[in-house]
Amino acid sequence: MEWEILKLPNLILSRPVNITYPQFSGIIVLIVSTLIALGGPRASLQLHLSLLDGILRCSMYFFESTPTGRLVNLFSKDIDIIDRNIPRAFDFVLECTLECTFIIMAVSYTSPYSLTVMPGLLILYFFIQVIPNLSIL
């Protein structure tokens, strides 16, 4: 079985670079894994600092009425949830974005006339997703 070779323009050299589909998928997996590995701890740190800032701005009555163990438990539980859910959510969003991008690319490659209808459908989809959420607010 032969893989179709993608002709990608090379900005450094004057000739195109030939990349097969497995090589392209490997590059995408490497980029996604790197983003998750670097972005998860950074997001966790930012959320932890904002949580700490919010707690430190509380009134003295809050610290007098709340035991220290409950504060530590609150922090550890929140940080545990953040550390577990953020990489999973980021992976899900990135996966859905890449899937939609490749689906649009495949559809536009097989039938280029679909690109004329695509902007209208994207605007319609945006309004279907956003308008009901605005009425909730």
N, C-alpha and C. Protein backbone atom coordinates (compact mmCIF):
# COMPACT_ATOMS: atom_id res chain seq x y z
N MET A 1 0.84 -1.18 0.00
CA MET A 1 0.00 0.00 0.00
C MET A 1 0.89 1.24 0.00
N GLU A 2 0.65 2.13 -0.90
CA GLU A 2 1.42 3.35 -1.02
C GLU A 2 0.66 4.49 -0.37
N TRP A 3 1.36 5.29 0.37
CA TRP A 3 0.75 6.47 0.98
C TRP A 3 0.84 7.63 0.00
N GLU A 4 -0.21 8.43 -0.01
CA GLU A 4 -0.20 9.61 -0.86
C GLU A 4 0.77 10.63 -0.28
N ILE A 5 1.57 11.21 -1.12
CA ILE A 5 2.58 12.17 -0.66
C ILE A 5 1.98 13.57 -0.72
N LEU A 6 2.08 14.26 0.41
CA LEU A 6 1.60 15.64 0.48
C LEU A 6 2.73 16.56 0.01
N LYS A 7 2.44 17.46 -0.87
CA LYS A 7 3.43 18.43 -1.34
C LYS A 7 3.24 19.71 -0.53
N LEU A 8 4.10 19.93 0.44
CA LEU A 8 4.02 21.11 1.28
C LEU A 8 5.08 22.12 0.85
N PRO A 9 4.72 23.40 0.75
CA PRO A 9 5.74 24.38 0.36
C PRO A 9 6.77 24.56 1.47
N ASN A 10 8.01 24.61 1.10
CA ASN A 10 9.08 24.82 2.06
C ASN A 10 9.51 26.27 1.96
N LEU A 11 9.45 26.99 3.06
CA LEU A 11 9.79 28.40 3.04
C LEU A 11 11.29 28.63 3.08
N ILE A 12 12.06 27.62 3.51
CA ILE A 12 13.50 27.77 3.60
C ILE A 12 14.16 27.38 2.28
N LEU A 13 13.78 26.22 1.75
CA LEU A 13 14.34 25.76 0.49
C LEU A 13 13.41 26.12 -0.65
N SER A 14 13.90 26.07 -1.86
CA SER A 14 13.07 26.45 -3.00
C SER A 14 12.26 25.29 -3.56
N ARG A 15 12.46 24.08 -3.06
CA ARG A 15 11.72 22.92 -3.57
C ARG A 15 10.70 22.46 -2.53
N PRO A 16 9.60 21.84 -2.95
CA PRO A 16 8.60 21.37 -1.97
C PRO A 16 9.10 20.17 -1.17
N VAL A 17 8.54 20.02 0.02
CA VAL A 17 8.90 18.92 0.91
C VAL A 17 7.83 17.86 0.78
N ASN A 18 8.22 16.61 0.61
CA ASN A 18 7.28 15.50 0.50
C ASN A 18 7.10 14.85 1.86
N ILE A 19 5.87 14.86 2.35
CA ILE A 19 5.55 14.27 3.65
C ILE A 19 4.40 13.29 3.44
N THR A 20 4.54 12.06 3.93
CA THR A 20 3.45 11.09 3.83
C THR A 20 2.49 11.30 4.99
N TYR A 21 1.32 10.67 4.91
CA TYR A 21 0.30 10.83 5.94
C TYR A 21 0.78 10.36 7.32
N PRO A 22 1.44 9.20 7.45
CA PRO A 22 1.90 8.81 8.80
C PRO A 22 2.91 9.79 9.39
N GLN A 23 3.76 10.35 8.56
CA GLN A 23 4.71 11.35 9.06
C GLN A 23 3.97 12.60 9.53
N PHE A 24 2.97 13.02 8.77
CA PHE A 24 2.18 14.20 9.12
C PHE A 24 1.44 13.96 10.43
N SER A 25 0.83 12.77 10.59
CA SER A 25 0.12 12.48 11.83
C SER A 25 1.08 12.41 13.01
N GLY A 26 2.27 11.88 12.80
CA GLY A 26 3.26 11.84 13.87
C GLY A 26 3.66 13.23 14.31
N ILE A 27 3.80 14.14 13.37
CA ILE A 27 4.15 15.52 13.70
C ILE A 27 3.01 16.16 14.50
N ILE A 28 1.77 15.94 14.08
CA ILE A 28 0.61 16.49 14.80
C ILE A 28 0.53 15.94 16.22
N VAL A 29 0.75 14.62 16.38
CA VAL A 29 0.71 14.00 17.72
C VAL A 29 1.82 14.58 18.59
N LEU A 30 2.99 14.79 18.03
CA LEU A 30 4.10 15.37 18.78
C LEU A 30 3.77 16.79 19.24
N ILE A 31 3.19 17.59 18.36
CA ILE A 31 2.83 18.97 18.72
C ILE A 31 1.75 18.98 19.80
N VAL A 32 0.73 18.14 19.64
CA VAL A 32 -0.36 18.10 20.63
C VAL A 32 0.16 17.63 21.98
N SER A 33 0.98 16.60 22.00
CA SER A 33 1.53 16.10 23.27
C SER A 33 2.40 17.15 23.96
N THR A 34 3.18 17.87 23.18
CA THR A 34 4.01 18.92 23.75
C THR A 34 3.16 20.04 24.33
N LEU A 35 2.11 20.44 23.62
CA LEU A 35 1.22 21.48 24.13
C LEU A 35 0.54 21.06 25.43
N ILE A 36 0.12 19.80 25.50
CA ILE A 36 -0.54 19.33 26.72
C ILE A 36 0.46 19.25 27.87
N ALA A 37 1.67 18.75 27.58
CA ALA A 37 2.67 18.61 28.64
C ALA A 37 3.13 19.97 29.18
N LEU A 38 3.22 20.97 28.32
CA LEU A 38 3.67 22.28 28.77
C LEU A 38 2.52 23.17 29.24
N GLY A 39 1.35 23.03 28.62
CA GLY A 39 0.23 23.90 28.95
C GLY A 39 -0.50 23.51 30.22
N GLY A 40 -0.57 22.22 30.53
CA GLY A 40 -1.29 21.76 31.73
C GLY A 40 -0.73 22.33 33.01
N PRO A 41 0.57 22.16 33.28
CA PRO A 41 1.13 22.74 34.51
C PRO A 41 1.06 24.26 34.55
N ARG A 42 1.20 24.90 33.40
CA ARG A 42 1.12 26.38 33.37
C ARG A 42 -0.29 26.83 33.74
N ALA A 43 -1.30 26.18 33.18
CA ALA A 43 -2.69 26.54 33.49
C ALA A 43 -2.99 26.25 34.95
N SER A 44 -2.48 25.13 35.45
CA SER A 44 -2.69 24.77 36.85
C SER A 44 -2.07 25.81 37.78
N LEU A 45 -0.88 26.25 37.44
CA LEU A 45 -0.22 27.27 38.26
C LEU A 45 -1.00 28.58 38.25
N GLN A 46 -1.49 29.00 37.08
CA GLN A 46 -2.25 30.24 37.00
C GLN A 46 -3.54 30.16 37.82
N LEU A 47 -4.24 29.03 37.71
CA LEU A 47 -5.48 28.88 38.49
C LEU A 47 -5.20 28.80 39.98
N HIS A 48 -4.10 28.14 40.36
CA HIS A 48 -3.74 28.05 41.77
C HIS A 48 -3.41 29.43 42.32
N LEU A 49 -2.68 30.23 41.56
CA LEU A 49 -2.34 31.58 42.02
C LEU A 49 -3.57 32.46 42.14
N SER A 50 -4.51 32.33 41.20
CA SER A 50 -5.74 33.13 41.32
C SER A 50 -6.59 32.65 42.50
N LEU A 51 -6.60 31.35 42.77
CA LEU A 51 -7.32 30.83 43.94
C LEU A 51 -6.68 31.33 45.22
N LEU A 52 -5.35 31.31 45.29
CA LEU A 52 -4.64 31.80 46.46
C LEU A 52 -4.87 33.30 46.66
N ASP A 53 -4.86 34.05 45.57
CA ASP A 53 -5.11 35.49 45.65
C ASP A 53 -6.52 35.76 46.18
N GLY A 54 -7.50 34.97 45.72
CA GLY A 54 -8.87 35.15 46.20
C GLY A 54 -9.01 34.82 47.67
N ILE A 55 -8.32 33.78 48.12
CA ILE A 55 -8.40 33.41 49.54
C ILE A 55 -7.70 34.45 50.41
N LEU A 56 -6.56 34.95 49.94
CA LEU A 56 -5.82 35.92 50.75
C LEU A 56 -6.54 37.26 50.85
N ARG A 57 -7.47 37.54 49.96
CA ARG A 57 -8.23 38.79 50.00
C ARG A 57 -9.49 38.67 50.87
N CYS A 58 -9.72 37.50 51.44
CA CYS A 58 -10.90 37.32 52.30
C CYS A 58 -10.73 38.12 53.60
N SER A 59 -11.87 38.33 54.27
CA SER A 59 -11.83 39.08 55.52
C SER A 59 -11.26 38.20 56.64
N MET A 60 -10.88 38.85 57.73
CA MET A 60 -10.30 38.13 58.86
C MET A 60 -11.32 37.18 59.49
N TYR A 61 -12.58 37.50 59.39
CA TYR A 61 -13.63 36.64 59.95
C TYR A 61 -13.62 35.27 59.26
N PHE A 62 -13.36 35.25 57.97
CA PHE A 62 -13.30 33.98 57.24
C PHE A 62 -12.21 33.09 57.82
N PHE A 63 -11.03 33.65 58.11
CA PHE A 63 -9.92 32.85 58.64
C PHE A 63 -10.16 32.44 60.09
N GLU A 64 -10.87 33.27 60.84
CA GLU A 64 -11.17 32.92 62.23
C GLU A 64 -12.22 31.82 62.32
N SER A 65 -13.15 31.80 61.38
CA SER A 65 -14.23 30.82 61.45
C SER A 65 -13.92 29.53 60.68
N THR A 66 -12.93 29.53 59.82
CA THR A 66 -12.61 28.35 59.01
C THR A 66 -11.34 27.71 59.55
N PRO A 67 -11.40 26.41 59.90
CA PRO A 67 -10.19 25.74 60.39
C PRO A 67 -9.13 25.62 59.28
N THR A 68 -7.88 25.55 59.71
CA THR A 68 -6.77 25.47 58.77
C THR A 68 -6.85 24.20 57.93
N GLY A 69 -7.26 23.10 58.53
CA GLY A 69 -7.38 21.83 57.80
C GLY A 69 -8.38 21.92 56.66
N ARG A 70 -9.46 22.64 56.89
CA ARG A 70 -10.46 22.79 55.83
C ARG A 70 -9.91 23.62 54.67
N LEU A 71 -9.11 24.65 54.97
CA LEU A 71 -8.48 25.45 53.91
C LEU A 71 -7.50 24.61 53.09
N VAL A 72 -6.68 23.81 53.78
CA VAL A 72 -5.72 22.96 53.07
C VAL A 72 -6.46 21.93 52.23
N ASN A 73 -7.52 21.36 52.79
CA ASN A 73 -8.32 20.37 52.05
C ASN A 73 -8.96 21.02 50.82
N LEU A 74 -9.44 22.25 50.97
CA LEU A 74 -10.06 22.97 49.85
C LEU A 74 -9.04 23.17 48.73
N PHE A 75 -7.84 23.61 49.09
CA PHE A 75 -6.80 23.82 48.09
C PHE A 75 -6.39 22.52 47.42
N SER A 76 -6.16 21.48 48.20
CA SER A 76 -5.68 20.23 47.61
C SER A 76 -6.73 19.61 46.70
N LYS A 77 -8.00 19.68 47.10
CA LYS A 77 -9.06 19.12 46.26
C LYS A 77 -9.21 19.91 44.96
N ASP A 78 -9.18 21.24 45.05
CA ASP A 78 -9.32 22.07 43.85
C ASP A 78 -8.15 21.87 42.90
N ILE A 79 -6.95 21.84 43.44
CA ILE A 79 -5.77 21.66 42.58
C ILE A 79 -5.77 20.27 41.96
N ASP A 80 -6.23 19.27 42.69
CA ASP A 80 -6.32 17.91 42.13
C ASP A 80 -7.31 17.87 40.96
N ILE A 81 -8.45 18.51 41.13
CA ILE A 81 -9.45 18.56 40.05
C ILE A 81 -8.89 19.31 38.84
N ILE A 82 -8.20 20.42 39.11
CA ILE A 82 -7.60 21.19 38.02
C ILE A 82 -6.56 20.36 37.28
N ASP A 83 -5.68 19.70 38.03
CA ASP A 83 -4.62 18.90 37.39
C ASP A 83 -5.17 17.73 36.59
N ARG A 84 -6.30 17.21 36.98
CA ARG A 84 -6.88 16.09 36.23
C ARG A 84 -7.70 16.55 35.02
N ASN A 85 -8.47 17.61 35.18
CA ASN A 85 -9.43 17.99 34.15
C ASN A 85 -8.87 18.89 33.06
N ILE A 86 -7.92 19.76 33.37
CA ILE A 86 -7.43 20.69 32.35
C ILE A 86 -6.74 19.97 31.20
N PRO A 87 -5.80 19.04 31.44
CA PRO A 87 -5.20 18.37 30.28
C PRO A 87 -6.21 17.59 29.45
N ARG A 88 -7.18 16.97 30.11
CA ARG A 88 -8.21 16.23 29.38
C ARG A 88 -9.08 17.16 28.54
N ALA A 89 -9.47 18.28 29.12
CA ALA A 89 -10.30 19.25 28.38
C ALA A 89 -9.52 19.87 27.23
N PHE A 90 -8.26 20.19 27.47
CA PHE A 90 -7.44 20.76 26.41
C PHE A 90 -7.25 19.76 25.27
N ASP A 91 -7.03 18.51 25.63
CA ASP A 91 -6.88 17.45 24.62
C ASP A 91 -8.16 17.31 23.80
N PHE A 92 -9.31 17.37 24.47
CA PHE A 92 -10.59 17.25 23.78
C PHE A 92 -10.82 18.41 22.82
N VAL A 93 -10.55 19.63 23.28
CA VAL A 93 -10.74 20.80 22.43
C VAL A 93 -9.80 20.76 21.22
N LEU A 94 -8.55 20.39 21.45
CA LEU A 94 -7.59 20.32 20.36
C LEU A 94 -7.96 19.22 19.37
N GLU A 95 -8.40 18.09 19.90
CA GLU A 95 -8.81 16.98 19.03
C GLU A 95 -10.01 17.38 18.16
N CYS A 96 -11.01 18.00 18.76
CA CYS A 96 -12.19 18.43 18.00
C CYS A 96 -11.83 19.48 16.96
N THR A 97 -10.95 20.41 17.32
CA THR A 97 -10.52 21.44 16.38
C THR A 97 -9.79 20.84 15.19
N LEU A 98 -8.88 19.91 15.47
CA LEU A 98 -8.14 19.27 14.37
C LEU A 98 -9.06 18.41 13.51
N GLU A 99 -9.99 17.70 14.13
CA GLU A 99 -10.93 16.89 13.35
C GLU A 99 -11.77 17.77 12.43
N CYS A 100 -12.30 18.86 12.96
CA CYS A 100 -13.11 19.76 12.13
C CYS A 100 -12.28 20.37 11.00
N THR A 101 -11.05 20.74 11.31
CA THR A 101 -10.17 21.31 10.28
C THR A 101 -9.91 20.31 9.16
N PHE A 102 -9.59 19.06 9.53
CA PHE A 102 -9.30 18.06 8.51
C PHE A 102 -10.56 17.64 7.74
N ILE A 103 -11.70 17.66 8.39
CA ILE A 103 -12.95 17.36 7.68
C ILE A 103 -13.24 18.44 6.65
N ILE A 104 -13.07 19.72 7.05
CA ILE A 104 -13.28 20.82 6.11
C ILE A 104 -12.28 20.74 4.96
N MET A 105 -11.03 20.38 5.26
CA MET A 105 -10.03 20.23 4.21
C MET A 105 -10.38 19.10 3.25
N ALA A 106 -10.85 17.97 3.79
CA ALA A 106 -11.20 16.84 2.93
C ALA A 106 -12.41 17.15 2.06
N VAL A 107 -13.41 17.80 2.64
CA VAL A 107 -14.60 18.15 1.87
C VAL A 107 -14.25 19.17 0.79
N SER A 108 -13.43 20.15 1.13
CA SER A 108 -13.07 21.16 0.13
C SER A 108 -12.15 20.59 -0.94
N TYR A 109 -11.38 19.55 -0.61
CA TYR A 109 -10.52 18.92 -1.61
C TYR A 109 -11.35 18.10 -2.60
N THR A 110 -12.37 17.39 -2.08
CA THR A 110 -13.17 16.54 -2.96
C THR A 110 -14.19 17.34 -3.75
N SER A 111 -14.75 18.38 -3.16
CA SER A 111 -15.68 19.22 -3.91
C SER A 111 -15.39 20.69 -3.59
N PRO A 112 -14.59 21.33 -4.42
CA PRO A 112 -14.17 22.71 -4.14
C PRO A 112 -15.33 23.71 -4.12
N TYR A 113 -16.45 23.38 -4.77
CA TYR A 113 -17.60 24.30 -4.78
C TYR A 113 -18.25 24.40 -3.40
N SER A 114 -17.96 23.45 -2.53
CA SER A 114 -18.53 23.52 -1.18
C SER A 114 -17.95 24.69 -0.39
N LEU A 115 -16.80 25.20 -0.82
CA LEU A 115 -16.21 26.35 -0.13
C LEU A 115 -17.05 27.61 -0.26
N THR A 116 -17.89 27.68 -1.29
CA THR A 116 -18.75 28.85 -1.45
C THR A 116 -19.87 28.87 -0.41
N VAL A 117 -20.29 27.70 0.03
CA VAL A 117 -21.38 27.59 1.00
C VAL A 117 -20.85 27.58 2.44
N MET A 118 -19.58 27.20 2.61
CA MET A 118 -19.00 27.01 3.94
C MET A 118 -19.06 28.24 4.84
N PRO A 119 -18.74 29.45 4.40
CA PRO A 119 -18.82 30.61 5.31
C PRO A 119 -20.24 30.86 5.84
N GLY A 120 -21.24 30.70 4.98
CA GLY A 120 -22.62 30.87 5.43
C GLY A 120 -23.01 29.84 6.47
N LEU A 121 -22.59 28.59 6.26
CA LEU A 121 -22.89 27.54 7.23
C LEU A 121 -22.17 27.77 8.55
N LEU A 122 -20.94 28.27 8.49
CA LEU A 122 -20.21 28.56 9.73
C LEU A 122 -20.87 29.69 10.51
N ILE A 123 -21.35 30.71 9.81
CA ILE A 123 -22.06 31.81 10.49
C ILE A 123 -23.36 31.31 11.10
N LEU A 124 -24.09 30.49 10.36
CA LEU A 124 -25.33 29.91 10.88
C LEU A 124 -25.05 29.04 12.11
N TYR A 125 -24.02 28.21 12.04
CA TYR A 125 -23.66 27.36 13.17
C TYR A 125 -23.27 28.21 14.38
N PHE A 126 -22.54 29.30 14.15
CA PHE A 126 -22.15 30.20 15.24
C PHE A 126 -23.38 30.77 15.93
N PHE A 127 -24.36 31.25 15.14
CA PHE A 127 -25.56 31.82 15.74
C PHE A 127 -26.40 30.78 16.46
N ILE A 128 -26.43 29.57 15.94
CA ILE A 128 -27.18 28.50 16.62
C ILE A 128 -26.54 28.18 17.97
N GLN A 129 -25.21 28.24 18.04
CA GLN A 129 -24.51 27.93 19.28
C GLN A 129 -24.53 29.09 20.28
N VAL A 130 -24.47 30.34 19.80
CA VAL A 130 -24.28 31.48 20.69
C VAL A 130 -25.59 32.08 21.17
N ILE A 131 -26.59 32.22 20.30
CA ILE A 131 -27.82 32.91 20.68
C ILE A 131 -28.54 32.24 21.85
N PRO A 132 -28.72 30.92 21.89
CA PRO A 132 -29.37 30.33 23.07
C PRO A 132 -28.57 30.54 24.35
N ASN A 133 -27.25 30.57 24.27
CA ASN A 133 -26.44 30.78 25.46
C ASN A 133 -26.51 32.22 25.96
N LEU A 134 -26.73 33.17 25.06
CA LEU A 134 -26.87 34.55 25.48
C LEU A 134 -28.17 34.79 26.24
N SER A 135 -29.22 34.06 25.87
CA SER A 135 -30.50 34.24 26.57
C SER A 135 -30.44 33.69 27.98
N ILE A 136 -29.54 32.75 28.25
CA ILE A 136 -29.38 32.21 29.60
C ILE A 136 -28.75 33.25 30.51
N LEU A 137 -27.80 34.02 29.96
CA LEU A 137 -27.13 35.03 30.78
C LEU A 137 -28.10 36.12 31.13
